[in-house]
């Protein structure tokens, strides 16, 4: 992984962990449902941000190398990216 992206991804991952612990506490404390939903939506936004970093790293490292190799390896990179794109589309974004 690219050092800067790794550092930022780990930071965001730790933030998400804290947010999840917060949701757990809110549920346990029977907080107002809309407040819990607001927090879970914030977590989803954080996850999208983390995914963006991971895709950036993948494109700048693995995919660029796979494209340089050409042939079957290049095709596998294209298939991977299409599969990720399809996952994103299927989740209703």
PDB file of N, CA and C in Angstrom:
ATOM      1  N   UNK A   1       0.834  -1.192   0.000  1.00  0.00           N
ATOM      2  CA  UNK A   1       0.000   0.000   0.000  1.00  0.00           C
ATOM      3  C   UNK A   1       0.870   1.244   0.000  1.00  0.00           C
ATOM      4  N   UNK A   2       0.359   2.275  -0.620  1.00  0.00           N
ATOM      5  CA  UNK A   2       1.042   3.569  -0.602  1.00  0.00           C
ATOM      6  C   UNK A   2       0.965   4.099   0.831  1.00  0.00           C
ATOM      7  N   UNK A   3       2.113   4.514   1.368  1.00  0.00           N
ATOM      8  CA  UNK A   3       2.201   4.890   2.786  1.00  0.00           C
ATOM      9  C   UNK A   3       1.149   5.915   3.217  1.00  0.00           C
ATOM     10  N   UNK A   4       0.996   6.984   2.458  1.00  0.00           N
ATOM     11  CA  UNK A   4       0.047   8.034   2.823  1.00  0.00           C
ATOM     12  C   UNK A   4      -1.390   7.505   2.830  1.00  0.00           C
ATOM     13  N   UNK A   5      -1.726   6.721   1.832  1.00  0.00           N
ATOM     14  CA  UNK A   5      -3.086   6.166   1.757  1.00  0.00           C
ATOM     15  C   UNK A   5      -3.309   5.186   2.899  1.00  0.00           C
ATOM     16  N   UNK A   6      -2.301   4.366   3.194  1.00  0.00           N
ATOM     17  CA  UNK A   6      -2.413   3.418   4.304  1.00  0.00           C
ATOM     18  C   UNK A   6      -2.669   4.148   5.612  1.00  0.00           C
ATOM     19  N   UNK A   7      -1.910   5.213   5.849  1.00  0.00           N
ATOM     20  CA  UNK A   7      -2.063   5.999   7.081  1.00  0.00           C
ATOM     21  C   UNK A   7      -3.477   6.573   7.171  1.00  0.00           C
ATOM     22  N   UNK A   8      -3.961   7.155   6.079  1.00  0.00           N
ATOM     23  CA  UNK A   8      -5.300   7.740   6.071  1.00  0.00           C
ATOM     24  C   UNK A   8      -6.381   6.675   6.208  1.00  0.00           C
ATOM     25  N   UNK A   9      -6.190   5.523   5.571  1.00  0.00           N
ATOM     26  CA  UNK A   9      -7.171   4.443   5.653  1.00  0.00           C
ATOM     27  C   UNK A   9      -7.255   3.888   7.079  1.00  0.00           C
ATOM     28  N   UNK A  10      -6.114   3.715   7.715  1.00  0.00           N
ATOM     29  CA  UNK A  10      -6.116   3.231   9.099  1.00  0.00           C
ATOM     30  C   UNK A  10      -6.793   4.239  10.019  1.00  0.00           C
ATOM     31  N   UNK A  11      -6.529   5.517   9.800  1.00  0.00           N
ATOM     32  CA  UNK A  11      -7.165   6.570  10.603  1.00  0.00           C
ATOM     33  C   UNK A  11      -8.684   6.513  10.444  1.00  0.00           C
ATOM     34  N   UNK A  12      -9.154   6.416   9.212  1.00  0.00           N
ATOM     35  CA  UNK A  12     -10.600   6.355   8.981  1.00  0.00           C
ATOM     36  C   UNK A  12     -11.206   5.089   9.556  1.00  0.00           C
ATOM     37  N   UNK A  13     -10.480   4.000   9.467  1.00  0.00           N
ATOM     38  CA  UNK A  13     -10.952   2.739  10.039  1.00  0.00           C
ATOM     39  C   UNK A  13     -11.143   2.862  11.545  1.00  0.00           C
ATOM     40  N   UNK A  14     -10.219   3.523  12.197  1.00  0.00           N
ATOM     41  CA  UNK A  14     -10.329   3.714  13.655  1.00  0.00           C
ATOM     42  C   UNK A  14     -11.497   4.632  14.002  1.00  0.00           C
ATOM     43  N   UNK A  15     -11.727   5.637  13.185  1.00  0.00           N
ATOM     44  CA  UNK A  15     -12.880   6.511  13.401  1.00  0.00           C
ATOM     45  C   UNK A  15     -14.167   5.701  13.278  1.00  0.00           C
ATOM     46  N   UNK A  16     -14.248   4.859  12.269  1.00  0.00           N
ATOM     47  CA  UNK A  16     -15.440   4.025  12.053  1.00  0.00           C
ATOM     48  C   UNK A  16     -15.660   3.099  13.243  1.00  0.00           C
ATOM     49  N   UNK A  17     -14.583   2.522  13.762  1.00  0.00           N
ATOM     50  CA  UNK A  17     -14.716   1.660  14.937  1.00  0.00           C
ATOM     51  C   UNK A  17     -15.322   2.439  16.099  1.00  0.00           C
ATOM     52  N   UNK A  18     -14.862   3.647  16.307  1.00  0.00           N
ATOM     53  CA  UNK A  18     -15.417   4.479  17.376  1.00  0.00           C
ATOM     54  C   UNK A  18     -16.883   4.806  17.129  1.00  0.00           C
ATOM     55  N   UNK A  19     -17.218   5.095  15.888  1.00  0.00           N
ATOM     56  CA  UNK A  19     -18.611   5.378  15.555  1.00  0.00           C
ATOM     57  C   UNK A  19     -19.498   4.156  15.829  1.00  0.00           C
ATOM     58  N   UNK A  20     -19.009   2.986  15.486  1.00  0.00           N
ATOM     59  CA  UNK A  20     -19.784   1.756  15.739  1.00  0.00           C
ATOM     60  C   UNK A  20     -19.970   1.515  17.235  1.00  0.00           C
ATOM     61  N   UNK A  21     -18.923   1.759  18.001  1.00  0.00           N
ATOM     62  CA  UNK A  21     -19.060   1.617  19.457  1.00  0.00           C
ATOM     63  C   UNK A  21     -20.106   2.608  19.980  1.00  0.00           C
ATOM     64  N   UNK A  22     -20.116   3.801  19.401  1.00  0.00           N
ATOM     65  CA  UNK A  22     -21.108   4.801  19.785  1.00  0.00           C
ATOM     66  C   UNK A  22     -22.528   4.344  19.479  1.00  0.00           C
ATOM     67  N   UNK A  23     -22.728   3.714  18.334  1.00  0.00           N
ATOM     68  CA  UNK A  23     -24.054   3.205  17.976  1.00  0.00           C
ATOM     69  C   UNK A  23     -24.476   2.105  18.940  1.00  0.00           C
ATOM     70  N   UNK A  24     -23.538   1.231  19.263  1.00  0.00           N
ATOM     71  CA  UNK A  24     -23.832   0.171  20.232  1.00  0.00           C
ATOM     72  C   UNK A  24     -24.329   0.762  21.553  1.00  0.00           C
ATOM     73  N   UNK A  25     -23.619   1.774  22.028  1.00  0.00           N
ATOM     74  CA  UNK A  25     -24.002   2.418  23.277  1.00  0.00           C
ATOM     75  C   UNK A  25     -25.363   3.093  23.147  1.00  0.00           C
ATOM     76  N   UNK A  26     -25.602   3.735  22.020  1.00  0.00           N
ATOM     77  CA  UNK A  26     -26.891   4.394  21.799  1.00  0.00           C
ATOM     78  C   UNK A  26     -28.033   3.379  21.833  1.00  0.00           C
ATOM     79  N   UNK A  27     -27.810   2.229  21.204  1.00  0.00           N
ATOM     80  CA  UNK A  27     -28.842   1.186  21.201  1.00  0.00           C
ATOM     81  C   UNK A  27     -29.051   0.666  22.615  1.00  0.00           C
ATOM     82  N   UNK A  28     -27.952   0.385  23.293  1.00  0.00           N
ATOM     83  CA  UNK A  28     -28.029  -0.122  24.657  1.00  0.00           C
ATOM     84  C   UNK A  28     -28.741   0.874  25.570  1.00  0.00           C
ATOM     85  N   UNK A  29     -28.501   2.158  25.361  1.00  0.00           N
ATOM     86  CA  UNK A  29     -29.129   3.209  26.171  1.00  0.00           C
ATOM     87  C   UNK A  29     -30.534   3.574  25.674  1.00  0.00           C
ATOM     88  N   UNK A  30     -30.974   2.896  24.621  1.00  0.00           N
ATOM     89  CA  UNK A  30     -32.283   3.142  24.013  1.00  0.00           C
ATOM     90  C   UNK A  30     -32.451   4.609  23.604  1.00  0.00           C
ATOM     91  N   UNK A  31     -31.434   5.092  22.904  1.00  0.00           N
ATOM     92  CA  UNK A  31     -31.469   6.471  22.408  1.00  0.00           C
ATOM     93  C   UNK A  31     -32.584   6.619  21.372  1.00  0.00           C
ATOM     94  N   UNK A  32     -32.919   7.837  21.075  1.00  0.00           N
ATOM     95  CA  UNK A  32     -33.950   8.159  20.095  1.00  0.00           C
ATOM     96  C   UNK A  32     -33.562   7.559  18.742  1.00  0.00           C
ATOM     97  N   UNK A  33     -34.492   6.853  18.118  1.00  0.00           N
ATOM     98  CA  UNK A  33     -34.214   6.107  16.885  1.00  0.00           C
ATOM     99  C   UNK A  33     -33.603   6.974  15.787  1.00  0.00           C
ATOM    100  N   UNK A  34     -34.131   8.176  15.615  1.00  0.00           N
ATOM    101  CA  UNK A  34     -33.620   9.056  14.560  1.00  0.00           C
ATOM    102  C   UNK A  34     -32.162   9.431  14.825  1.00  0.00           C
ATOM    103  N   UNK A  35     -31.812   9.573  16.086  1.00  0.00           N
ATOM    104  CA  UNK A  35     -30.418   9.868  16.422  1.00  0.00           C
ATOM    105  C   UNK A  35     -29.506   8.689  16.061  1.00  0.00           C
ATOM    106  N   UNK A  36     -29.987   7.486  16.305  1.00  0.00           N
ATOM    107  CA  UNK A  36     -29.208   6.291  15.948  1.00  0.00           C
ATOM    108  C   UNK A  36     -29.070   6.199  14.434  1.00  0.00           C
ATOM    109  N   UNK A  37     -30.167   6.425  13.726  1.00  0.00           N
ATOM    110  CA  UNK A  37     -30.135   6.370  12.261  1.00  0.00           C
ATOM    111  C   UNK A  37     -29.174   7.424  11.711  1.00  0.00           C
ATOM    112  N   UNK A  38     -29.202   8.602  12.287  1.00  0.00           N
ATOM    113  CA  UNK A  38     -28.286   9.664  11.860  1.00  0.00           C
ATOM    114  C   UNK A  38     -26.838   9.204  11.996  1.00  0.00           C
ATOM    115  N   UNK A  39     -26.549   8.545  13.110  1.00  0.00           N
ATOM    116  CA  UNK A  39     -25.183   8.052  13.330  1.00  0.00           C
ATOM    117  C   UNK A  39     -24.832   6.936  12.351  1.00  0.00           C
ATOM    118  N   UNK A  40     -25.773   6.022  12.078  1.00  0.00           N
ATOM    119  CA  UNK A  40     -25.468   4.934  11.137  1.00  0.00           C
ATOM    120  C   UNK A  40     -25.270   5.477   9.726  1.00  0.00           C
ATOM    121  N   UNK A  41     -25.984   6.538   9.375  1.00  0.00           N
ATOM    122  CA  UNK A  41     -25.770   7.167   8.069  1.00  0.00           C
ATOM    123  C   UNK A  41     -24.389   7.820   8.005  1.00  0.00           C
ATOM    124  N   UNK A  42     -23.946   8.383   9.108  1.00  0.00           N
ATOM    125  CA  UNK A  42     -22.598   8.954   9.162  1.00  0.00           C
ATOM    126  C   UNK A  42     -21.549   7.855   8.989  1.00  0.00           C
ATOM    127  N   UNK A  43     -21.819   6.690   9.566  1.00  0.00           N
ATOM    128  CA  UNK A  43     -20.901   5.552   9.411  1.00  0.00           C
ATOM    129  C   UNK A  43     -20.849   5.129   7.951  1.00  0.00           C
ATOM    130  N   UNK A  44     -21.997   5.086   7.298  1.00  0.00           N
ATOM    131  CA  UNK A  44     -22.019   4.721   5.874  1.00  0.00           C
ATOM    132  C   UNK A  44     -21.189   5.703   5.051  1.00  0.00           C
ATOM    133  N   UNK A  45     -21.294   6.980   5.361  1.00  0.00           N
ATOM    134  CA  UNK A  45     -20.501   7.996   4.667  1.00  0.00           C
ATOM    135  C   UNK A  45     -19.011   7.762   4.917  1.00  0.00           C
ATOM    136  N   UNK A  46     -18.658   7.427   6.154  1.00  0.00           N
ATOM    137  CA  UNK A  46     -17.263   7.139   6.489  1.00  0.00           C
ATOM    138  C   UNK A  46     -16.759   5.917   5.737  1.00  0.00           C
ATOM    139  N   UNK A  47     -17.600   4.904   5.611  1.00  0.00           N
ATOM    140  CA  UNK A  47     -17.212   3.700   4.869  1.00  0.00           C
ATOM    141  C   UNK A  47     -17.003   4.011   3.390  1.00  0.00           C
ATOM    142  N   UNK A  48     -17.868   4.853   2.823  1.00  0.00           N
ATOM    143  CA  UNK A  48     -17.684   5.252   1.416  1.00  0.00           C
ATOM    144  C   UNK A  48     -16.349   5.972   1.243  1.00  0.00           C
ATOM    145  N   UNK A  49     -16.010   6.802   2.202  1.00  0.00           N
ATOM    146  CA  UNK A  49     -14.744   7.527   2.155  1.00  0.00           C
ATOM    147  C   UNK A  49     -13.560   6.556   2.245  1.00  0.00           C
ATOM    148  N   UNK A  50     -13.667   5.573   3.115  1.00  0.00           N
ATOM    149  CA  UNK A  50     -12.623   4.550   3.234  1.00  0.00           C
ATOM    150  C   UNK A  50     -12.514   3.758   1.935  1.00  0.00           C
ATOM    151  N   UNK A  51     -13.647   3.377   1.368  1.00  0.00           N
ATOM    152  CA  UNK A  51     -13.629   2.636   0.107  1.00  0.00           C
ATOM    153  C   UNK A  51     -12.968   3.442  -1.005  1.00  0.00           C
ATOM    154  N   UNK A  52     -13.215   4.738  -1.028  1.00  0.00           N
ATOM    155  CA  UNK A  52     -12.597   5.594  -2.041  1.00  0.00           C
ATOM    156  C   UNK A  52     -11.069   5.547  -1.918  1.00  0.00           C
ATOM    157  N   UNK A  53     -10.564   5.604  -0.688  1.00  0.00           N
ATOM    158  CA  UNK A  53      -9.114   5.495  -0.477  1.00  0.00           C
ATOM    159  C   UNK A  53      -8.580   4.149  -0.959  1.00  0.00           C
ATOM    160  N   UNK A  54      -9.313   3.083  -0.652  1.00  0.00           N
ATOM    161  CA  UNK A  54      -8.866   1.744  -1.046  1.00  0.00           C
ATOM    162  C   UNK A  54      -8.871   1.581  -2.559  1.00  0.00           C
ATOM    163  N   UNK A  55      -9.888   2.135  -3.213  1.00  0.00           N
ATOM    164  CA  UNK A  55      -9.936   2.072  -4.679  1.00  0.00           C
ATOM    165  C   UNK A  55      -8.778   2.882  -5.258  1.00  0.00           C
ATOM    166  N   UNK A  56      -8.522   4.062  -4.685  1.00  0.00           N
ATOM    167  CA  UNK A  56      -7.407   4.872  -5.173  1.00  0.00           C
ATOM    168  C   UNK A  56      -6.096   4.098  -5.068  1.00  0.00           C
ATOM    169  N   UNK A  57      -5.873   3.478  -3.922  1.00  0.00           N
ATOM    170  CA  UNK A  57      -4.649   2.697  -3.749  1.00  0.00           C
ATOM    171  C   UNK A  57      -4.579   1.564  -4.757  1.00  0.00           C
ATOM    172  N   UNK A  58      -5.692   0.876  -4.951  1.00  0.00           N
ATOM    173  CA  UNK A  58      -5.726  -0.258  -5.882  1.00  0.00           C
ATOM    174  C   UNK A  58      -5.409   0.199  -7.307  1.00  0.00           C
ATOM    175  N   UNK A  59      -5.988   1.330  -7.700  1.00  0.00           N
ATOM    176  CA  UNK A  59      -5.733   1.850  -9.045  1.00  0.00           C
ATOM    177  C   UNK A  59      -4.270   2.274  -9.216  1.00  0.00           C
ATOM    178  N   UNK A  60      -3.723   2.927  -8.206  1.00  0.00           N
ATOM    179  CA  UNK A  60      -2.355   3.448  -8.315  1.00  0.00           C
ATOM    180  C   UNK A  60      -1.291   2.356  -8.189  1.00  0.00           C
ATOM    181  N   UNK A  61      -1.661   1.218  -7.629  1.00  0.00           N
ATOM    182  CA  UNK A  61      -0.670   0.151  -7.444  1.00  0.00           C
ATOM    183  C   UNK A  61      -1.007  -1.056  -8.312  1.00  0.00           C
ATOM    184  N   UNK A  62      -1.913  -1.870  -7.837  1.00  0.00           N
ATOM    185  CA  UNK A  62      -2.204  -3.137  -8.497  1.00  0.00           C
ATOM    186  C   UNK A  62      -2.689  -2.984  -9.932  1.00  0.00           C
ATOM    187  N   UNK A  63      -3.658  -2.115 -10.147  1.00  0.00           N
ATOM    188  CA  UNK A  63      -4.232  -1.993 -11.484  1.00  0.00           C
ATOM    189  C   UNK A  63      -3.198  -1.463 -12.473  1.00  0.00           C
ATOM    190  N   UNK A  64      -2.418  -0.481 -12.071  1.00  0.00           N
ATOM    191  CA  UNK A  64      -1.418   0.040 -13.004  1.00  0.00           C
ATOM    192  C   UNK A  64      -0.412  -1.041 -13.383  1.00  0.00           C
ATOM    193  N   UNK A  65      -0.015  -1.876 -12.419  1.00  0.00           N
ATOM    194  CA  UNK A  65       0.904  -2.982 -12.722  1.00  0.00           C
ATOM    195  C   UNK A  65       0.236  -4.022 -13.613  1.00  0.00           C
ATOM    196  N   UNK A  66      -1.030  -4.299 -13.328  1.00  0.00           N
ATOM    197  CA  UNK A  66      -1.755  -5.293 -14.124  1.00  0.00           C
ATOM    198  C   UNK A  66      -1.926  -4.814 -15.566  1.00  0.00           C
ATOM    199  N   UNK A  67      -2.172  -3.524 -15.750  1.00  0.00           N
ATOM    200  CA  UNK A  67      -2.290  -2.976 -17.096  1.00  0.00           C
ATOM    201  C   UNK A  67      -0.943  -3.026 -17.820  1.00  0.00           C
ATOM    202  N   UNK A  68       0.130  -2.749 -17.094  1.00  0.00           N
ATOM    203  CA  UNK A  68       1.469  -2.814 -17.689  1.00  0.00           C
ATOM    204  C   UNK A  68       1.796  -4.220 -18.173  1.00  0.00           C
ATOM    205  N   UNK A  69       1.330  -5.231 -17.433  1.00  0.00           N
ATOM    206  CA  UNK A  69       1.588  -6.618 -17.827  1.00  0.00           C
ATOM    207  C   UNK A  69       0.829  -6.989 -19.091  1.00  0.00           C
ATOM    208  N   UNK A  70      -0.348  -6.397 -19.253  1.00  0.00           N
ATOM    209  CA  UNK A  70      -1.134  -6.665 -20.455  1.00  0.00           C
ATOM    210  C   UNK A  70      -1.781  -8.044 -20.451  1.00  0.00           C
ATOM    211  N   UNK A  71      -2.351  -8.401 -21.587  1.00  0.00           N
ATOM    212  CA  UNK A  71      -2.937  -9.721 -21.792  1.00  0.00           C
ATOM    213  C   UNK A  71      -3.999 -10.092 -20.772  1.00  0.00           C
ATOM    214  N   UNK A  72      -3.907 -11.337 -20.301  1.00  0.00           N
ATOM    215  CA  UNK A  72      -4.867 -11.880 -19.336  1.00  0.00           C
ATOM    216  C   UNK A  72      -4.881 -11.070 -18.033  1.00  0.00           C
ATOM    217  N   UNK A  73      -3.725 -10.632 -17.612  1.00  0.00           N
ATOM    218  CA  UNK A  73      -3.624  -9.876 -16.365  1.00  0.00           C
ATOM    219  C   UNK A  73      -4.383  -8.558 -16.477  1.00  0.00           C
ATOM    220  N   UNK A  74      -4.243  -7.912 -17.620  1.00  0.00           N
ATOM    221  CA  UNK A  74      -4.969  -6.657 -17.855  1.00  0.00           C
ATOM    222  C   UNK A  74      -6.471  -6.912 -17.843  1.00  0.00           C
ATOM    223  N   UNK A  75      -6.892  -7.980 -18.484  1.00  0.00           N
ATOM    224  CA  UNK A  75      -8.317  -8.325 -18.525  1.00  0.00           C
ATOM    225  C   UNK A  75      -8.863  -8.614 -17.128  1.00  0.00           C
ATOM    226  N   UNK A  76      -8.046  -9.269 -16.295  1.00  0.00           N
ATOM    227  CA  UNK A  76      -8.460  -9.554 -14.921  1.00  0.00           C
ATOM    228  C   UNK A  76      -8.668  -8.258 -14.140  1.00  0.00           C
ATOM    229  N   UNK A  77      -7.805  -7.269 -14.382  1.00  0.00           N
ATOM    230  CA  UNK A  77      -7.953  -5.968 -13.719  1.00  0.00           C
ATOM    231  C   UNK A  77      -9.264  -5.306 -14.130  1.00  0.00           C
ATOM    232  N   UNK A  78      -9.572  -5.355 -15.412  1.00  0.00           N
ATOM    233  CA  UNK A  78     -10.822  -4.774 -15.905  1.00  0.00           C
ATOM    234  C   UNK A  78     -12.016  -5.491 -15.269  1.00  0.00           C
ATOM    235  N   UNK A  79     -11.978  -6.814 -15.199  1.00  0.00           N
ATOM    236  CA  UNK A  79     -13.067  -7.589 -14.599  1.00  0.00           C
ATOM    237  C   UNK A  79     -13.233  -7.254 -13.115  1.00  0.00           C
ATOM    238  N   UNK A  80     -12.125  -7.104 -12.402  1.00  0.00           N
ATOM    239  CA  UNK A  80     -12.195  -6.722 -10.980  1.00  0.00           C
ATOM    240  C   UNK A  80     -12.897  -5.377 -10.809  1.00  0.00           C
ATOM    241  N   UNK A  81     -12.500  -4.411 -11.600  1.00  0.00           N
ATOM    242  CA  UNK A  81     -13.087  -3.073 -11.490  1.00  0.00           C
ATOM    243  C   UNK A  81     -14.565  -3.086 -11.850  1.00  0.00           C
ATOM    244  N   UNK A  82     -14.914  -3.850 -12.871  1.00  0.00           N
ATOM    245  CA  UNK A  82     -16.327  -3.960 -13.230  1.00  0.00           C
ATOM    246  C   UNK A  82     -17.131  -4.628 -12.118  1.00  0.00           C
ATOM    247  N   UNK A  83     -16.549  -5.626 -11.462  1.00  0.00           N
ATOM    248  CA  UNK A  83     -17.234  -6.306 -10.357  1.00  0.00           C
ATOM    249  C   UNK A  83     -17.461  -5.346  -9.193  1.00  0.00           C
ATOM    250  N   UNK A  84     -16.469  -4.517  -8.878  1.00  0.00           N
ATOM    251  CA  UNK A  84     -16.628  -3.531  -7.810  1.00  0.00           C
ATOM    252  C   UNK A  84     -17.692  -2.514  -8.197  1.00  0.00           C
ATOM    253  N   UNK A  85     -17.655  -2.070  -9.435  1.00  0.00           N
ATOM    254  CA  UNK A  85     -18.661  -1.118  -9.924  1.00  0.00           C
ATOM    255  C   UNK A  85     -20.053  -1.729  -9.819  1.00  0.00           C
ATOM    256  N   UNK A  86     -20.191  -2.996 -10.167  1.00  0.00           N
ATOM    257  CA  UNK A  86     -21.479  -3.678 -10.095  1.00  0.00           C
ATOM    258  C   UNK A  86     -21.955  -3.797  -8.654  1.00  0.00           C
ATOM    259  N   UNK A  87     -21.067  -4.106  -7.729  1.00  0.00           N
ATOM    260  CA  UNK A  87     -21.434  -4.152  -6.309  1.00  0.00           C
ATOM    261  C   UNK A  87     -21.978  -2.798  -5.850  1.00  0.00           C
ATOM    262  N   UNK A  88     -21.310  -1.734  -6.279  1.00  0.00           N
ATOM    263  CA  UNK A  88     -21.745  -0.395  -5.920  1.00  0.00           C
ATOM    264  C   UNK A  88     -23.140  -0.117  -6.498  1.00  0.00           C
ATOM    265  N   UNK A  89     -23.356  -0.486  -7.731  1.00  0.00           N
ATOM    266  CA  UNK A  89     -24.650  -0.238  -8.372  1.00  0.00           C
ATOM    267  C   UNK A  89     -25.757  -1.051  -7.712  1.00  0.00           C
ATOM    268  N   UNK A  90     -25.460  -2.270  -7.324  1.00  0.00           N
ATOM    269  CA  UNK A  90     -26.469  -3.154  -6.727  1.00  0.00           C
ATOM    270  C   UNK A  90     -26.895  -2.711  -5.339  1.00  0.00           C
ATOM    271  N   UNK A  91     -26.091  -1.894  -4.691  1.00  0.00           N
ATOM    272  CA  UNK A  91     -26.464  -1.457  -3.354  1.00  0.00           C
ATOM    273  C   UNK A  91     -27.376  -0.234  -3.408  1.00  0.00           C
ATOM    274  N   UNK A  92     -27.714   0.181  -4.615  1.00  0.00           N
ATOM    275  CA  UNK A  92     -28.694   1.249  -4.756  1.00  0.00           C
ATOM    276  C   UNK A  92     -28.136   2.642  -4.715  1.00  0.00           C
ATOM    277  N   UNK A  93     -26.823   2.760  -4.957  1.00  0.00           N
ATOM    278  CA  UNK A  93     -26.211   4.106  -4.907  1.00  0.00           C
ATOM    279  C   UNK A  93     -26.431   4.850  -6.192  1.00  0.00           C
TER     280      UNK A  93
END
